[in-house]
Amino acid sequence: MGSLYEKEGLMGLVNDMDKGEVWGGRLGNGVVEVGACWGVILVIRGI
């Protein structure tokens, strides 16, 4: 059998997204967080 590396596959992508590497570093991660918070506010208000 072959070996599986952590960076390969879906879990590697999830880890990169969690660290902000996919979204453009720290600034991109901040933009994603603000968008997510705004989405939660809109859902709570019923819009």
N, C-alpha and C. Protein backbone atom coordinates (compact mmCIF):
# COMPACT_ATOMS: atom_id res chain seq x y z
N MET A 1 0.83 -1.18 0.00
CA MET A 1 0.00 0.00 0.00
C MET A 1 0.87 1.24 0.00
N GLY A 2 0.33 2.31 -0.55
CA GLY A 2 1.05 3.57 -0.58
C GLY A 2 0.88 4.34 0.71
N SER A 3 1.52 5.46 0.76
CA SER A 3 1.39 6.30 1.95
C SER A 3 0.55 7.53 1.62
N LEU A 4 -0.04 8.12 2.62
CA LEU A 4 -0.91 9.28 2.46
C LEU A 4 -0.28 10.46 3.19
N TYR A 5 -0.11 11.55 2.50
CA TYR A 5 0.47 12.74 3.09
C TYR A 5 -0.64 13.66 3.57
N GLU A 6 -0.36 14.40 4.65
CA GLU A 6 -1.36 15.26 5.25
C GLU A 6 -1.83 16.36 4.30
N LYS A 7 -0.93 16.89 3.48
CA LYS A 7 -1.27 17.99 2.58
C LYS A 7 -2.10 17.56 1.39
N GLU A 8 -2.21 16.28 1.14
CA GLU A 8 -2.97 15.80 0.01
C GLU A 8 -4.42 15.54 0.42
N GLY A 9 -5.30 15.70 -0.51
CA GLY A 9 -6.69 15.34 -0.27
C GLY A 9 -7.50 16.45 0.37
N LEU A 10 -8.69 16.09 0.77
CA LEU A 10 -9.66 17.04 1.31
C LEU A 10 -9.19 17.63 2.64
N MET A 11 -8.65 16.82 3.51
CA MET A 11 -8.23 17.34 4.82
C MET A 11 -7.08 18.33 4.70
N GLY A 12 -6.21 18.15 3.72
CA GLY A 12 -5.15 19.12 3.49
C GLY A 12 -5.72 20.46 3.06
N LEU A 13 -6.74 20.43 2.20
CA LEU A 13 -7.40 21.67 1.76
C LEU A 13 -8.10 22.34 2.93
N VAL A 14 -8.78 21.55 3.76
CA VAL A 14 -9.47 22.10 4.93
C VAL A 14 -8.47 22.75 5.88
N ASN A 15 -7.33 22.12 6.11
CA ASN A 15 -6.30 22.70 6.98
C ASN A 15 -5.76 24.00 6.40
N ASP A 16 -5.53 24.05 5.09
CA ASP A 16 -5.05 25.28 4.46
C ASP A 16 -6.07 26.40 4.57
N MET A 17 -7.34 26.07 4.39
CA MET A 17 -8.38 27.08 4.51
C MET A 17 -8.48 27.60 5.93
N ASP A 18 -8.33 26.72 6.91
CA ASP A 18 -8.41 27.11 8.31
C ASP A 18 -7.26 28.03 8.69
N LYS A 19 -6.09 27.80 8.12
CA LYS A 19 -4.93 28.63 8.40
C LYS A 19 -4.94 29.94 7.61
N GLY A 20 -5.82 30.06 6.63
CA GLY A 20 -5.90 31.28 5.84
C GLY A 20 -4.99 31.29 4.64
N GLU A 21 -4.35 30.17 4.32
CA GLU A 21 -3.41 30.13 3.21
C GLU A 21 -4.11 30.21 1.86
N VAL A 22 -5.34 29.74 1.79
CA VAL A 22 -6.07 29.74 0.52
C VAL A 22 -6.70 31.10 0.25
N TRP A 23 -7.10 31.81 1.30
CA TRP A 23 -7.86 33.04 1.16
C TRP A 23 -6.99 34.28 1.04
N GLY A 24 -5.71 34.17 0.94
CA GLY A 24 -4.86 35.35 0.77
C GLY A 24 -4.19 35.80 2.05
N GLY A 25 -3.91 34.88 2.93
CA GLY A 25 -3.19 35.23 4.15
C GLY A 25 -4.09 35.85 5.20
N ARG A 26 -3.49 36.67 6.03
CA ARG A 26 -4.21 37.25 7.17
C ARG A 26 -5.32 38.20 6.73
N LEU A 27 -5.07 39.02 5.74
CA LEU A 27 -6.08 39.97 5.27
C LEU A 27 -7.27 39.23 4.66
N GLY A 28 -7.00 38.27 3.82
CA GLY A 28 -8.08 37.51 3.19
C GLY A 28 -8.89 36.74 4.22
N ASN A 29 -8.23 36.20 5.23
CA ASN A 29 -8.93 35.48 6.29
C ASN A 29 -9.84 36.43 7.05
N GLY A 30 -9.39 37.66 7.28
CA GLY A 30 -10.22 38.65 7.96
C GLY A 30 -11.45 39.01 7.16
N VAL A 31 -11.30 39.13 5.84
CA VAL A 31 -12.43 39.43 4.97
C VAL A 31 -13.45 38.29 5.02
N VAL A 32 -12.98 37.07 5.00
CA VAL A 32 -13.88 35.91 5.07
C VAL A 32 -14.62 35.90 6.41
N GLU A 33 -13.92 36.21 7.50
CA GLU A 33 -14.56 36.23 8.81
C GLU A 33 -15.64 37.31 8.90
N VAL A 34 -15.37 38.50 8.36
CA VAL A 34 -16.36 39.58 8.37
C VAL A 34 -17.58 39.17 7.55
N GLY A 35 -17.35 38.55 6.39
CA GLY A 35 -18.46 38.09 5.57
C GLY A 35 -19.30 37.03 6.28
N ALA A 36 -18.65 36.14 6.99
CA ALA A 36 -19.38 35.10 7.72
C ALA A 36 -20.20 35.71 8.85
N CYS A 37 -19.63 36.66 9.57
CA CYS A 37 -20.37 37.33 10.64
C CYS A 37 -21.56 38.10 10.09
N TRP A 38 -21.38 38.78 8.98
CA TRP A 38 -22.46 39.52 8.36
C TRP A 38 -23.57 38.56 7.91
N GLY A 39 -23.20 37.41 7.40
CA GLY A 39 -24.19 36.41 7.00
C GLY A 39 -25.00 35.92 8.19
N VAL A 40 -24.35 35.71 9.33
CA VAL A 40 -25.07 35.29 10.54
C VAL A 40 -26.04 36.38 10.98
N ILE A 41 -25.63 37.63 10.93
CA ILE A 41 -26.51 38.75 11.31
C ILE A 41 -27.73 38.78 10.38
N LEU A 42 -27.53 38.61 9.09
CA LEU A 42 -28.65 38.62 8.15
C LEU A 42 -29.62 37.47 8.41
N VAL A 43 -29.09 36.30 8.73
CA VAL A 43 -29.96 35.15 9.02
C VAL A 43 -30.77 35.41 10.29
N ILE A 44 -30.14 35.96 11.32
CA ILE A 44 -30.83 36.22 12.57
C ILE A 44 -31.94 37.25 12.36
N ARG A 45 -31.68 38.28 11.56
CA ARG A 45 -32.68 39.32 11.31
C ARG A 45 -33.77 38.87 10.34
N GLY A 46 -33.55 37.77 9.65
CA GLY A 46 -34.57 37.23 8.77
C GLY A 46 -34.56 37.83 7.37
N ILE A 47 -33.46 38.39 6.97
CA ILE A 47 -33.39 39.00 5.63
C ILE A 47 -32.89 37.97 4.65
